[in-house]
N, C-alpha and C. Protein backbone atom coordinates (compact mmCIF):
# COMPACT_ATOMS: atom_id res chain seq x y z
N MET A 1 -31.65 2.58 -32.85
CA MET A 1 -31.26 3.21 -31.62
C MET A 1 -29.74 3.33 -31.57
N GLU A 2 -29.24 4.53 -31.31
CA GLU A 2 -27.80 4.74 -31.23
C GLU A 2 -27.29 4.35 -29.86
N SER A 3 -26.16 3.69 -29.85
CA SER A 3 -25.55 3.34 -28.57
C SER A 3 -24.58 4.43 -28.15
N ALA A 4 -24.42 4.57 -26.87
CA ALA A 4 -23.50 5.58 -26.34
C ALA A 4 -22.08 5.20 -26.71
N PRO A 5 -21.24 6.21 -26.91
CA PRO A 5 -19.85 5.89 -27.25
C PRO A 5 -19.19 5.11 -26.10
N LYS A 6 -18.36 4.16 -26.49
CA LYS A 6 -17.69 3.34 -25.48
C LYS A 6 -16.65 4.15 -24.73
N LYS A 7 -16.61 3.92 -23.43
CA LYS A 7 -15.59 4.57 -22.62
C LYS A 7 -14.28 3.80 -22.78
N VAL A 8 -13.21 4.53 -22.89
CA VAL A 8 -11.90 3.91 -22.97
C VAL A 8 -11.39 3.73 -21.53
N VAL A 9 -11.12 2.50 -21.18
CA VAL A 9 -10.62 2.22 -19.84
C VAL A 9 -9.11 2.30 -19.87
N MET A 10 -8.57 3.09 -18.97
CA MET A 10 -7.13 3.27 -18.92
C MET A 10 -6.54 2.43 -17.81
N SER A 11 -5.47 1.75 -18.09
CA SER A 11 -4.75 1.01 -17.06
C SER A 11 -3.56 1.85 -16.61
N TRP A 12 -3.39 1.94 -15.31
CA TRP A 12 -2.25 2.69 -14.78
C TRP A 12 -0.99 1.87 -14.94
N THR A 13 0.06 2.52 -15.39
CA THR A 13 1.37 1.88 -15.53
C THR A 13 2.38 2.66 -14.72
N LYS A 14 3.58 2.11 -14.58
CA LYS A 14 4.65 2.82 -13.85
C LYS A 14 4.92 4.17 -14.50
N LYS A 15 4.93 4.21 -15.84
CA LYS A 15 5.20 5.46 -16.55
C LYS A 15 4.13 6.51 -16.22
N ARG A 16 2.88 6.09 -16.19
CA ARG A 16 1.80 7.02 -15.85
C ARG A 16 1.89 7.43 -14.38
N ASP A 17 2.24 6.48 -13.52
CA ASP A 17 2.41 6.79 -12.10
C ASP A 17 3.51 7.82 -11.88
N VAL A 18 4.62 7.66 -12.61
CA VAL A 18 5.74 8.59 -12.48
C VAL A 18 5.30 9.99 -12.94
N LEU A 19 4.57 10.07 -14.05
CA LEU A 19 4.09 11.37 -14.52
C LEU A 19 3.14 12.00 -13.49
N LEU A 20 2.30 11.19 -12.88
CA LEU A 20 1.40 11.69 -11.84
C LEU A 20 2.20 12.25 -10.67
N MET A 21 3.18 11.49 -10.20
CA MET A 21 3.96 11.93 -9.04
C MET A 21 4.83 13.13 -9.36
N ARG A 22 5.36 13.19 -10.59
CA ARG A 22 6.13 14.38 -11.00
C ARG A 22 5.24 15.61 -10.95
N GLU A 23 4.05 15.46 -11.47
CA GLU A 23 3.11 16.58 -11.50
C GLU A 23 2.71 16.99 -10.08
N MET A 24 2.53 16.03 -9.21
CA MET A 24 2.19 16.33 -7.81
C MET A 24 3.32 17.10 -7.15
N ALA A 25 4.55 16.67 -7.38
CA ALA A 25 5.71 17.36 -6.80
C ALA A 25 5.83 18.77 -7.36
N ALA A 26 5.60 18.92 -8.66
CA ALA A 26 5.72 20.22 -9.29
C ALA A 26 4.64 21.19 -8.80
N GLN A 27 3.45 20.68 -8.55
CA GLN A 27 2.33 21.53 -8.12
C GLN A 27 2.36 21.83 -6.61
N GLY A 28 3.16 21.08 -5.86
CA GLY A 28 3.24 21.32 -4.42
C GLY A 28 1.94 20.98 -3.70
N ILE A 29 1.40 19.83 -4.01
CA ILE A 29 0.09 19.42 -3.49
C ILE A 29 0.01 19.42 -1.97
N PHE A 30 1.09 19.10 -1.28
CA PHE A 30 1.02 18.92 0.16
C PHE A 30 1.26 20.19 0.97
N GLN A 31 1.34 21.33 0.30
CA GLN A 31 1.47 22.56 1.06
C GLN A 31 0.11 23.05 1.54
N PHE A 32 -0.96 22.37 1.10
CA PHE A 32 -2.31 22.74 1.52
C PHE A 32 -2.91 21.61 2.36
N LYS A 33 -3.80 22.00 3.25
CA LYS A 33 -4.44 21.05 4.15
C LYS A 33 -5.30 20.07 3.36
N SER A 34 -5.27 18.82 3.79
CA SER A 34 -6.07 17.78 3.15
C SER A 34 -7.55 18.14 3.25
N GLY A 35 -8.25 18.03 2.13
CA GLY A 35 -9.67 18.34 2.11
C GLY A 35 -10.00 19.81 1.89
N SER A 36 -8.98 20.65 1.77
CA SER A 36 -9.22 22.08 1.59
C SER A 36 -9.54 22.40 0.12
N ARG A 37 -10.12 23.55 -0.08
CA ARG A 37 -10.42 24.00 -1.45
C ARG A 37 -9.14 24.18 -2.25
N GLU A 38 -8.10 24.68 -1.57
CA GLU A 38 -6.83 24.91 -2.27
C GLU A 38 -6.26 23.61 -2.79
N ARG A 39 -6.29 22.56 -1.94
CA ARG A 39 -5.75 21.27 -2.39
C ARG A 39 -6.60 20.72 -3.52
N ASP A 40 -7.90 20.89 -3.45
CA ASP A 40 -8.78 20.43 -4.53
C ASP A 40 -8.45 21.14 -5.83
N THR A 41 -8.16 22.43 -5.74
CA THR A 41 -7.78 23.20 -6.93
C THR A 41 -6.49 22.66 -7.53
N VAL A 42 -5.55 22.27 -6.67
CA VAL A 42 -4.29 21.71 -7.15
C VAL A 42 -4.54 20.36 -7.81
N TRP A 43 -5.41 19.53 -7.22
CA TRP A 43 -5.74 18.23 -7.84
C TRP A 43 -6.34 18.46 -9.22
N GLN A 44 -7.19 19.47 -9.37
CA GLN A 44 -7.78 19.77 -10.67
C GLN A 44 -6.73 20.21 -11.68
N ALA A 45 -5.75 20.99 -11.21
CA ALA A 45 -4.66 21.43 -12.10
C ALA A 45 -3.82 20.22 -12.53
N ILE A 46 -3.55 19.32 -11.60
CA ILE A 46 -2.79 18.11 -11.92
C ILE A 46 -3.53 17.30 -12.98
N THR A 47 -4.83 17.14 -12.77
CA THR A 47 -5.66 16.39 -13.71
C THR A 47 -5.63 17.03 -15.09
N LYS A 48 -5.76 18.34 -15.13
CA LYS A 48 -5.74 19.06 -16.41
C LYS A 48 -4.41 18.84 -17.13
N ASN A 49 -3.32 18.93 -16.39
CA ASN A 49 -2.00 18.74 -17.00
C ASN A 49 -1.80 17.31 -17.49
N LEU A 50 -2.28 16.33 -16.71
CA LEU A 50 -2.15 14.94 -17.13
C LEU A 50 -2.98 14.68 -18.38
N ASN A 51 -4.17 15.24 -18.44
CA ASN A 51 -5.03 15.05 -19.61
C ASN A 51 -4.44 15.73 -20.85
N GLY A 52 -3.47 16.62 -20.65
CA GLY A 52 -2.76 17.23 -21.78
C GLY A 52 -1.86 16.24 -22.50
N HIS A 53 -1.52 15.14 -21.84
CA HIS A 53 -0.72 14.07 -22.45
C HIS A 53 -1.69 13.09 -23.12
N LYS A 54 -2.22 13.49 -24.26
CA LYS A 54 -3.26 12.68 -24.94
C LYS A 54 -2.78 11.28 -25.29
N ASP A 55 -1.47 11.12 -25.50
CA ASP A 55 -0.95 9.81 -25.86
C ASP A 55 -0.93 8.85 -24.66
N LEU A 56 -0.94 9.37 -23.44
CA LEU A 56 -0.87 8.52 -22.24
C LEU A 56 -2.14 8.50 -21.41
N PHE A 57 -2.84 9.62 -21.34
CA PHE A 57 -4.00 9.71 -20.46
C PHE A 57 -5.27 9.95 -21.26
N HIS A 58 -6.32 9.24 -20.87
CA HIS A 58 -7.61 9.37 -21.53
C HIS A 58 -8.63 9.90 -20.52
N SER A 59 -8.76 11.18 -20.44
CA SER A 59 -9.71 11.88 -19.58
C SER A 59 -9.79 11.31 -18.15
N VAL A 60 -8.68 11.45 -17.42
CA VAL A 60 -8.69 11.08 -16.01
C VAL A 60 -9.40 12.17 -15.22
N THR A 61 -9.89 11.83 -14.05
CA THR A 61 -10.60 12.78 -13.20
C THR A 61 -9.76 13.09 -11.97
N SER A 62 -10.12 14.18 -11.29
CA SER A 62 -9.42 14.54 -10.05
C SER A 62 -9.53 13.41 -9.03
N ARG A 63 -10.70 12.86 -8.93
CA ARG A 63 -10.89 11.76 -7.99
C ARG A 63 -10.05 10.55 -8.39
N GLY A 64 -9.98 10.29 -9.68
CA GLY A 64 -9.20 9.16 -10.17
C GLY A 64 -7.72 9.27 -9.83
N VAL A 65 -7.15 10.47 -10.01
CA VAL A 65 -5.73 10.64 -9.71
C VAL A 65 -5.49 10.64 -8.21
N ARG A 66 -6.42 11.21 -7.45
CA ARG A 66 -6.31 11.19 -5.98
C ARG A 66 -6.36 9.76 -5.46
N ASP A 67 -7.33 8.99 -5.97
CA ASP A 67 -7.46 7.60 -5.55
C ASP A 67 -6.25 6.77 -5.95
N ARG A 68 -5.71 7.06 -7.14
CA ARG A 68 -4.52 6.32 -7.59
C ARG A 68 -3.35 6.59 -6.67
N PHE A 69 -3.13 7.86 -6.32
CA PHE A 69 -2.01 8.16 -5.43
C PHE A 69 -2.22 7.54 -4.05
N THR A 70 -3.45 7.56 -3.56
CA THR A 70 -3.75 6.94 -2.27
C THR A 70 -3.39 5.45 -2.30
N LEU A 71 -3.74 4.78 -3.39
CA LEU A 71 -3.42 3.36 -3.55
C LEU A 71 -1.91 3.13 -3.60
N ILE A 72 -1.21 3.95 -4.38
CA ILE A 72 0.25 3.83 -4.49
C ILE A 72 0.88 4.04 -3.11
N LEU A 73 0.44 5.05 -2.40
CA LEU A 73 0.98 5.37 -1.08
C LEU A 73 0.73 4.23 -0.09
N ARG A 74 -0.47 3.69 -0.10
CA ARG A 74 -0.81 2.59 0.79
C ARG A 74 0.08 1.36 0.52
N ARG A 75 0.27 1.04 -0.75
CA ARG A 75 1.12 -0.10 -1.12
C ARG A 75 2.57 0.14 -0.70
N TYR A 76 3.04 1.37 -0.90
CA TYR A 76 4.42 1.71 -0.55
C TYR A 76 4.65 1.58 0.95
N LYS A 77 3.71 2.08 1.74
CA LYS A 77 3.84 2.00 3.20
C LYS A 77 3.80 0.55 3.67
N ALA A 78 2.93 -0.26 3.07
CA ALA A 78 2.85 -1.68 3.44
C ALA A 78 4.14 -2.40 3.07
N LYS A 79 4.68 -2.10 1.91
CA LYS A 79 5.94 -2.72 1.46
C LYS A 79 7.08 -2.34 2.41
N ASN A 80 7.16 -1.07 2.79
CA ASN A 80 8.21 -0.62 3.71
C ASN A 80 8.07 -1.27 5.07
N ALA A 81 6.85 -1.37 5.57
CA ALA A 81 6.62 -2.00 6.87
C ALA A 81 7.04 -3.47 6.83
N GLU A 82 6.73 -4.13 5.73
CA GLU A 82 7.11 -5.54 5.56
C GLU A 82 8.62 -5.70 5.52
N GLU A 83 9.30 -4.81 4.79
CA GLU A 83 10.76 -4.87 4.70
C GLU A 83 11.40 -4.61 6.06
N LEU A 84 10.87 -3.65 6.78
CA LEU A 84 11.41 -3.34 8.11
C LEU A 84 11.23 -4.53 9.06
N GLN A 85 10.09 -5.17 8.96
CA GLN A 85 9.81 -6.32 9.83
C GLN A 85 10.73 -7.49 9.50
N SER A 86 10.93 -7.75 8.23
CA SER A 86 11.70 -8.93 7.83
C SER A 86 13.21 -8.73 7.99
N THR A 87 13.72 -7.53 7.69
CA THR A 87 15.17 -7.33 7.73
C THR A 87 15.63 -6.42 8.85
N GLY A 88 14.72 -5.68 9.41
CA GLY A 88 15.09 -4.74 10.46
C GLY A 88 15.56 -3.41 9.91
N GLU A 89 15.59 -3.28 8.61
CA GLU A 89 15.98 -2.02 7.97
C GLU A 89 15.34 -1.94 6.60
N GLY A 90 15.38 -0.77 6.00
CA GLY A 90 14.78 -0.57 4.68
C GLY A 90 15.60 -1.20 3.58
N SER A 91 15.07 -1.14 2.38
CA SER A 91 15.76 -1.70 1.22
C SER A 91 17.00 -0.88 0.89
N GLU A 92 18.05 -1.55 0.51
CA GLU A 92 19.32 -0.87 0.18
C GLU A 92 19.55 -0.85 -1.33
N ASP A 93 18.58 -1.32 -2.10
CA ASP A 93 18.71 -1.34 -3.55
C ASP A 93 18.75 0.08 -4.09
N GLU A 94 19.32 0.23 -5.29
CA GLU A 94 19.32 1.54 -5.93
C GLU A 94 17.89 1.90 -6.28
N LEU A 95 17.49 3.10 -5.92
CA LEU A 95 16.10 3.51 -6.10
C LEU A 95 15.87 4.07 -7.50
N SER A 96 14.74 3.71 -8.08
CA SER A 96 14.35 4.23 -9.39
C SER A 96 13.69 5.59 -9.20
N GLU A 97 13.41 6.27 -10.30
CA GLU A 97 12.74 7.56 -10.22
C GLU A 97 11.38 7.40 -9.53
N TYR A 98 10.69 6.31 -9.85
CA TYR A 98 9.40 6.00 -9.22
C TYR A 98 9.55 5.95 -7.70
N ASP A 99 10.53 5.20 -7.22
CA ASP A 99 10.74 5.06 -5.78
C ASP A 99 11.17 6.37 -5.13
N LEU A 100 12.02 7.12 -5.80
CA LEU A 100 12.47 8.41 -5.26
C LEU A 100 11.31 9.39 -5.13
N LEU A 101 10.50 9.49 -6.18
CA LEU A 101 9.34 10.38 -6.13
C LEU A 101 8.37 9.94 -5.04
N LEU A 102 8.15 8.65 -4.96
CA LEU A 102 7.22 8.13 -3.96
C LEU A 102 7.72 8.38 -2.55
N GLU A 103 9.01 8.21 -2.35
CA GLU A 103 9.60 8.47 -1.03
C GLU A 103 9.46 9.95 -0.66
N GLU A 104 9.74 10.82 -1.61
CA GLU A 104 9.64 12.26 -1.36
C GLU A 104 8.19 12.67 -1.07
N LEU A 105 7.25 12.17 -1.88
CA LEU A 105 5.85 12.53 -1.69
C LEU A 105 5.30 11.95 -0.38
N THR A 106 5.77 10.77 0.00
CA THR A 106 5.36 10.18 1.27
C THR A 106 5.81 11.06 2.42
N HIS A 107 7.06 11.50 2.35
CA HIS A 107 7.60 12.38 3.39
C HIS A 107 6.80 13.69 3.46
N LEU A 108 6.52 14.28 2.31
CA LEU A 108 5.76 15.53 2.27
C LEU A 108 4.34 15.33 2.81
N SER A 109 3.73 14.21 2.47
CA SER A 109 2.39 13.90 2.95
C SER A 109 2.37 13.77 4.47
N GLU A 110 3.35 13.07 5.01
CA GLU A 110 3.43 12.89 6.47
C GLU A 110 3.67 14.22 7.17
N GLU A 111 4.54 15.05 6.60
CA GLU A 111 4.80 16.37 7.18
C GLU A 111 3.54 17.23 7.16
N SER A 112 2.80 17.17 6.07
CA SER A 112 1.56 17.93 5.95
C SER A 112 0.55 17.47 7.00
N ASP A 113 0.45 16.15 7.20
CA ASP A 113 -0.47 15.62 8.21
C ASP A 113 -0.06 16.06 9.61
N LYS A 114 1.26 16.03 9.90
CA LYS A 114 1.75 16.46 11.22
C LYS A 114 1.42 17.93 11.46
N LYS A 115 1.62 18.74 10.43
CA LYS A 115 1.35 20.18 10.55
C LYS A 115 -0.14 20.41 10.81
N ALA A 116 -1.00 19.71 10.08
CA ALA A 116 -2.44 19.86 10.26
C ALA A 116 -2.86 19.42 11.66
N ASN A 117 -2.28 18.32 12.15
CA ASN A 117 -2.60 17.84 13.50
C ASN A 117 -2.13 18.84 14.56
N ALA A 118 -0.95 19.41 14.36
CA ALA A 118 -0.43 20.39 15.31
C ALA A 118 -1.31 21.64 15.34
N GLU A 119 -1.75 22.08 14.17
CA GLU A 119 -2.63 23.25 14.10
C GLU A 119 -3.96 22.97 14.78
N ALA A 120 -4.50 21.77 14.60
CA ALA A 120 -5.76 21.40 15.23
C ALA A 120 -5.60 21.34 16.75
N GLU A 121 -4.49 20.78 17.20
CA GLU A 121 -4.21 20.69 18.64
C GLU A 121 -4.05 22.08 19.24
N SER A 122 -3.37 22.96 18.53
CA SER A 122 -3.18 24.33 18.98
C SER A 122 -4.52 25.05 19.10
N ALA A 123 -5.38 24.84 18.13
CA ALA A 123 -6.69 25.47 18.16
C ALA A 123 -7.52 24.95 19.34
N LYS A 124 -7.43 23.64 19.61
CA LYS A 124 -8.14 23.06 20.75
C LYS A 124 -7.64 23.66 22.06
N GLU A 125 -6.33 23.78 22.19
CA GLU A 125 -5.75 24.35 23.40
C GLU A 125 -6.17 25.80 23.59
N LYS A 126 -6.22 26.55 22.52
CA LYS A 126 -6.62 27.96 22.57
C LYS A 126 -8.08 28.07 23.03
N ILE A 127 -8.93 27.23 22.47
CA ILE A 127 -10.35 27.24 22.85
C ILE A 127 -10.51 26.85 24.31
N SER A 128 -9.76 25.84 24.72
CA SER A 128 -9.81 25.38 26.11
C SER A 128 -9.35 26.49 27.07
N ALA A 129 -8.29 27.18 26.72
CA ALA A 129 -7.78 28.27 27.55
C ALA A 129 -8.80 29.40 27.63
N GLU A 130 -9.42 29.73 26.52
CA GLU A 130 -10.44 30.78 26.52
C GLU A 130 -11.64 30.37 27.35
N ARG A 131 -12.03 29.12 27.26
CA ARG A 131 -13.15 28.61 28.03
C ARG A 131 -12.84 28.68 29.53
N ASN A 132 -11.62 28.26 29.90
CA ASN A 132 -11.20 28.31 31.30
C ASN A 132 -11.15 29.75 31.81
N TRP A 133 -10.68 30.67 30.97
CA TRP A 133 -10.59 32.06 31.35
C TRP A 133 -11.98 32.65 31.61
N LEU A 134 -12.96 32.25 30.76
CA LEU A 134 -14.33 32.74 30.94
C LEU A 134 -14.97 32.19 32.20
N LEU A 135 -14.59 31.01 32.61
CA LEU A 135 -15.17 30.39 33.81
C LEU A 135 -14.61 30.97 35.10
N ILE A 136 -13.49 31.64 35.01
CA ILE A 136 -12.86 32.20 36.21
C ILE A 136 -13.57 33.43 36.68
């Protein structure tokens, strides 16, 4: 009986994280609404480009890279909150490329979320106004 080929398990490193974040910045992932088809298409393009680095990536998936960035973002936000609580201000150390990319992507992610929330609120207000107009 033949056994299935063994899956190669990849460990994420800072170098791989930086390549992921560079690719995210280059693809402009946050210009599309979270959960949209367009953003999914961008995640697939990022995955395809990362898998092109055969020496670093071993068949990562769209979900894998999305989950990895979510984890990185969550850790970054927790670290910043902890630093703010303990010192009253952010870290003043010289930032590495990893930190700079993460800071930029965090900002873009937050802006994208604000825009989506504003659009949803605007749509709710429009529907409410139309409903009120019909009741008059």
